[in-house]
Amino acid sequence: MIEKVEAENNAPATENGRIIGNLERLLLLFFLWEGAAVAATFIVAVKGLARFKKMEEHQAFAEYVIIETFLFVLITLIIYKFCQLLF
């Protein structure tokens, strides 16, 4: 079962995380649509760099980030394939 990872100092989540997540998906979809799948690794790299220190210190958070990243990539790939069928 996936363990819920608490925000640092129990700070409430902000809307920024949702905005960043939507931008990640849109960028990945754009890169795939333009045939630049390798450029999509840029998104994963930036995400890892932004969270590196916390991932290094907290194993549960690192696992959460990995699961979240794989899930976001999988959902985006499904949307991409669906769009290919439509257009």
N, C-alpha and C. Protein backbone atom coordinates (compact mmCIF):
# COMPACT_ATOMS: atom_id res chain seq x y z
N MET A 1 0.84 -1.18 0.00
CA MET A 1 0.00 0.00 0.00
C MET A 1 0.89 1.24 0.00
N ILE A 2 0.47 2.26 -0.69
CA ILE A 2 1.25 3.49 -0.78
C ILE A 2 1.03 4.32 0.47
N GLU A 3 2.11 4.67 1.09
CA GLU A 3 2.08 5.47 2.31
C GLU A 3 1.98 6.95 1.94
N LYS A 4 1.04 7.65 2.59
CA LYS A 4 0.89 9.08 2.30
C LYS A 4 2.07 9.82 2.91
N VAL A 5 2.70 10.65 2.12
CA VAL A 5 3.84 11.42 2.58
C VAL A 5 3.34 12.80 2.99
N GLU A 6 3.65 13.19 4.21
CA GLU A 6 3.19 14.47 4.73
C GLU A 6 4.08 15.60 4.22
N ALA A 7 3.46 16.73 4.01
CA ALA A 7 4.21 17.91 3.59
C ALA A 7 5.12 18.35 4.73
N GLU A 8 6.22 18.98 4.36
CA GLU A 8 7.18 19.44 5.34
C GLU A 8 6.52 20.37 6.34
N ASN A 9 6.74 20.13 7.63
CA ASN A 9 6.17 20.92 8.73
C ASN A 9 4.64 20.98 8.66
N ASN A 10 4.03 19.95 8.11
CA ASN A 10 2.57 19.87 7.99
C ASN A 10 1.97 21.11 7.33
N ALA A 11 2.71 21.72 6.44
CA ALA A 11 2.22 22.90 5.73
C ALA A 11 1.13 22.48 4.76
N PRO A 12 0.09 23.29 4.63
CA PRO A 12 -0.97 22.93 3.69
C PRO A 12 -0.46 22.98 2.25
N ALA A 13 -0.99 22.10 1.44
CA ALA A 13 -0.59 22.07 0.03
C ALA A 13 -1.09 23.34 -0.65
N THR A 14 -0.33 23.80 -1.59
CA THR A 14 -0.72 25.00 -2.32
C THR A 14 -1.23 24.60 -3.70
N GLU A 15 -1.77 25.55 -4.38
CA GLU A 15 -2.27 25.34 -5.73
C GLU A 15 -1.10 25.17 -6.72
N ASN A 16 0.10 25.59 -6.31
CA ASN A 16 1.27 25.51 -7.19
C ASN A 16 1.55 24.09 -7.65
N GLY A 17 1.40 23.13 -6.76
CA GLY A 17 1.65 21.73 -7.12
C GLY A 17 0.75 21.26 -8.23
N ARG A 18 -0.51 21.65 -8.17
CA ARG A 18 -1.47 21.27 -9.21
C ARG A 18 -1.10 21.95 -10.53
N ILE A 19 -0.70 23.19 -10.48
CA ILE A 19 -0.31 23.93 -11.69
C ILE A 19 0.92 23.28 -12.32
N ILE A 20 1.91 22.97 -11.48
CA ILE A 20 3.13 22.33 -11.97
C ILE A 20 2.81 20.98 -12.61
N GLY A 21 1.96 20.20 -11.97
CA GLY A 21 1.58 18.90 -12.52
C GLY A 21 0.91 19.01 -13.88
N ASN A 22 0.02 19.98 -14.02
CA ASN A 22 -0.64 20.19 -15.31
C ASN A 22 0.35 20.64 -16.37
N LEU A 23 1.28 21.51 -16.01
CA LEU A 23 2.32 21.93 -16.95
C LEU A 23 3.20 20.75 -17.37
N GLU A 24 3.53 19.88 -16.43
CA GLU A 24 4.33 18.69 -16.75
C GLU A 24 3.63 17.85 -17.81
N ARG A 25 2.34 17.59 -17.59
CA ARG A 25 1.60 16.78 -18.54
C ARG A 25 1.50 17.44 -19.92
N LEU A 26 1.23 18.74 -19.92
CA LEU A 26 1.13 19.45 -21.20
C LEU A 26 2.46 19.45 -21.96
N LEU A 27 3.55 19.69 -21.24
CA LEU A 27 4.87 19.67 -21.89
C LEU A 27 5.20 18.29 -22.44
N LEU A 28 4.94 17.26 -21.65
CA LEU A 28 5.22 15.90 -22.12
C LEU A 28 4.38 15.58 -23.34
N LEU A 29 3.10 15.94 -23.30
CA LEU A 29 2.22 15.71 -24.44
C LEU A 29 2.72 16.46 -25.67
N PHE A 30 3.13 17.71 -25.49
CA PHE A 30 3.66 18.50 -26.60
C PHE A 30 4.93 17.86 -27.17
N PHE A 31 5.86 17.46 -26.30
CA PHE A 31 7.10 16.84 -26.77
C PHE A 31 6.81 15.56 -27.56
N LEU A 32 5.89 14.76 -27.06
CA LEU A 32 5.55 13.52 -27.76
C LEU A 32 4.89 13.83 -29.10
N TRP A 33 3.97 14.78 -29.10
CA TRP A 33 3.25 15.14 -30.32
C TRP A 33 4.21 15.64 -31.40
N GLU A 34 5.24 16.35 -31.00
CA GLU A 34 6.23 16.89 -31.93
C GLU A 34 7.33 15.89 -32.27
N GLY A 35 7.24 14.69 -31.74
CA GLY A 35 8.23 13.66 -32.04
C GLY A 35 9.54 13.82 -31.29
N ALA A 36 9.51 14.59 -30.21
CA ALA A 36 10.72 14.84 -29.43
C ALA A 36 10.64 14.10 -28.09
N ALA A 37 10.50 12.78 -28.17
CA ALA A 37 10.35 11.97 -26.96
C ALA A 37 11.57 12.10 -26.05
N VAL A 38 12.74 12.26 -26.62
CA VAL A 38 13.95 12.40 -25.80
C VAL A 38 13.88 13.69 -24.97
N ALA A 39 13.30 14.73 -25.54
CA ALA A 39 13.18 16.00 -24.81
C ALA A 39 12.28 15.85 -23.59
N ALA A 40 11.41 14.85 -23.60
CA ALA A 40 10.52 14.62 -22.47
C ALA A 40 11.31 14.25 -21.21
N THR A 41 12.50 13.73 -21.37
CA THR A 41 13.32 13.40 -20.20
C THR A 41 13.70 14.66 -19.43
N PHE A 42 13.67 15.80 -20.11
CA PHE A 42 13.93 17.09 -19.46
C PHE A 42 12.97 17.30 -18.29
N ILE A 43 11.71 16.95 -18.46
CA ILE A 43 10.71 17.13 -17.41
C ILE A 43 11.06 16.30 -16.19
N VAL A 44 11.39 15.04 -16.41
CA VAL A 44 11.73 14.15 -15.30
C VAL A 44 13.00 14.62 -14.60
N ALA A 45 13.96 15.09 -15.37
CA ALA A 45 15.21 15.58 -14.78
C ALA A 45 14.97 16.80 -13.90
N VAL A 46 14.17 17.73 -14.39
CA VAL A 46 13.89 18.94 -13.61
C VAL A 46 13.16 18.58 -12.32
N LYS A 47 12.22 17.67 -12.43
CA LYS A 47 11.46 17.23 -11.26
C LYS A 47 12.38 16.60 -10.22
N GLY A 48 13.30 15.77 -10.68
CA GLY A 48 14.24 15.13 -9.77
C GLY A 48 15.19 16.12 -9.11
N LEU A 49 15.67 17.08 -9.89
CA LEU A 49 16.57 18.09 -9.34
C LEU A 49 15.87 18.96 -8.30
N ALA A 50 14.62 19.30 -8.57
CA ALA A 50 13.88 20.17 -7.66
C ALA A 50 13.61 19.49 -6.32
N ARG A 51 13.53 18.17 -6.34
CA ARG A 51 13.18 17.44 -5.12
C ARG A 51 14.33 16.60 -4.57
N PHE A 52 15.51 16.75 -5.13
CA PHE A 52 16.63 15.87 -4.79
C PHE A 52 16.95 15.85 -3.30
N LYS A 53 17.10 17.00 -2.69
CA LYS A 53 17.51 17.05 -1.29
C LYS A 53 16.51 16.32 -0.39
N LYS A 54 15.24 16.57 -0.61
CA LYS A 54 14.23 15.91 0.23
C LYS A 54 14.19 14.41 -0.05
N MET A 55 14.37 14.02 -1.31
CA MET A 55 14.37 12.59 -1.65
C MET A 55 15.55 11.88 -1.02
N GLU A 56 16.66 12.58 -0.95
CA GLU A 56 17.87 12.00 -0.35
C GLU A 56 17.68 11.75 1.14
N GLU A 57 16.93 12.62 1.79
CA GLU A 57 16.74 12.53 3.24
C GLU A 57 15.58 11.63 3.65
N HIS A 58 14.59 11.47 2.79
CA HIS A 58 13.38 10.73 3.15
C HIS A 58 13.06 9.67 2.11
N GLN A 59 13.29 8.41 2.48
CA GLN A 59 13.05 7.28 1.57
C GLN A 59 11.60 7.21 1.12
N ALA A 60 10.66 7.41 2.03
CA ALA A 60 9.24 7.33 1.67
C ALA A 60 8.88 8.40 0.65
N PHE A 61 9.44 9.58 0.80
CA PHE A 61 9.16 10.66 -0.15
C PHE A 61 9.75 10.32 -1.51
N ALA A 62 10.95 9.75 -1.53
CA ALA A 62 11.58 9.37 -2.79
C ALA A 62 10.72 8.35 -3.53
N GLU A 63 10.20 7.37 -2.81
CA GLU A 63 9.34 6.36 -3.42
C GLU A 63 8.05 6.99 -3.94
N TYR A 64 7.51 7.92 -3.19
CA TYR A 64 6.30 8.63 -3.61
C TYR A 64 6.55 9.39 -4.91
N VAL A 65 7.67 10.08 -5.01
CA VAL A 65 8.00 10.85 -6.22
C VAL A 65 8.14 9.92 -7.42
N ILE A 66 8.77 8.78 -7.22
CA ILE A 66 8.95 7.82 -8.32
C ILE A 66 7.60 7.30 -8.79
N ILE A 67 6.75 6.91 -7.86
CA ILE A 67 5.41 6.41 -8.22
C ILE A 67 4.62 7.49 -8.93
N GLU A 68 4.66 8.70 -8.38
CA GLU A 68 3.93 9.82 -8.97
C GLU A 68 4.42 10.10 -10.40
N THR A 69 5.73 10.07 -10.60
CA THR A 69 6.30 10.35 -11.92
C THR A 69 5.89 9.28 -12.92
N PHE A 70 6.00 8.01 -12.54
CA PHE A 70 5.61 6.93 -13.45
C PHE A 70 4.12 7.03 -13.80
N LEU A 71 3.31 7.35 -12.80
CA LEU A 71 1.88 7.46 -13.04
C LEU A 71 1.57 8.62 -13.98
N PHE A 72 2.22 9.76 -13.77
CA PHE A 72 1.98 10.92 -14.63
C PHE A 72 2.44 10.63 -16.06
N VAL A 73 3.54 9.93 -16.24
CA VAL A 73 4.01 9.57 -17.58
C VAL A 73 3.04 8.59 -18.23
N LEU A 74 2.59 7.61 -17.48
CA LEU A 74 1.65 6.62 -18.01
C LEU A 74 0.34 7.27 -18.46
N ILE A 75 -0.22 8.13 -17.63
CA ILE A 75 -1.47 8.81 -17.99
C ILE A 75 -1.28 9.67 -19.23
N THR A 76 -0.16 10.37 -19.30
CA THR A 76 0.11 11.22 -20.46
C THR A 76 0.28 10.39 -21.73
N LEU A 77 0.95 9.25 -21.61
CA LEU A 77 1.11 8.37 -22.78
C LEU A 77 -0.23 7.83 -23.25
N ILE A 78 -1.11 7.51 -22.34
CA ILE A 78 -2.44 7.03 -22.71
C ILE A 78 -3.21 8.13 -23.44
N ILE A 79 -3.15 9.35 -22.91
CA ILE A 79 -3.81 10.48 -23.57
C ILE A 79 -3.22 10.70 -24.96
N TYR A 80 -1.90 10.61 -25.07
CA TYR A 80 -1.23 10.79 -26.36
C TYR A 80 -1.70 9.76 -27.38
N LYS A 81 -1.74 8.51 -26.98
CA LYS A 81 -2.16 7.44 -27.89
C LYS A 81 -3.62 7.63 -28.29
N PHE A 82 -4.45 8.04 -27.34
CA PHE A 82 -5.85 8.31 -27.63
C PHE A 82 -5.99 9.44 -28.65
N CYS A 83 -5.21 10.49 -28.48
CA CYS A 83 -5.24 11.63 -29.42
C CYS A 83 -4.76 11.20 -30.80
N GLN A 84 -3.78 10.31 -30.86
CA GLN A 84 -3.31 9.81 -32.15
C GLN A 84 -4.42 9.09 -32.90
N LEU A 85 -5.24 8.36 -32.17
CA LEU A 85 -6.35 7.64 -32.80
C LEU A 85 -7.40 8.61 -33.34
N LEU A 86 -7.61 9.70 -32.63
CA LEU A 86 -8.63 10.68 -33.03
C LEU A 86 -8.18 11.55 -34.19
N PHE A 87 -6.91 11.90 -34.21
CA PHE A 87 -6.42 12.84 -35.21
C PHE A 87 -5.53 12.12 -36.17
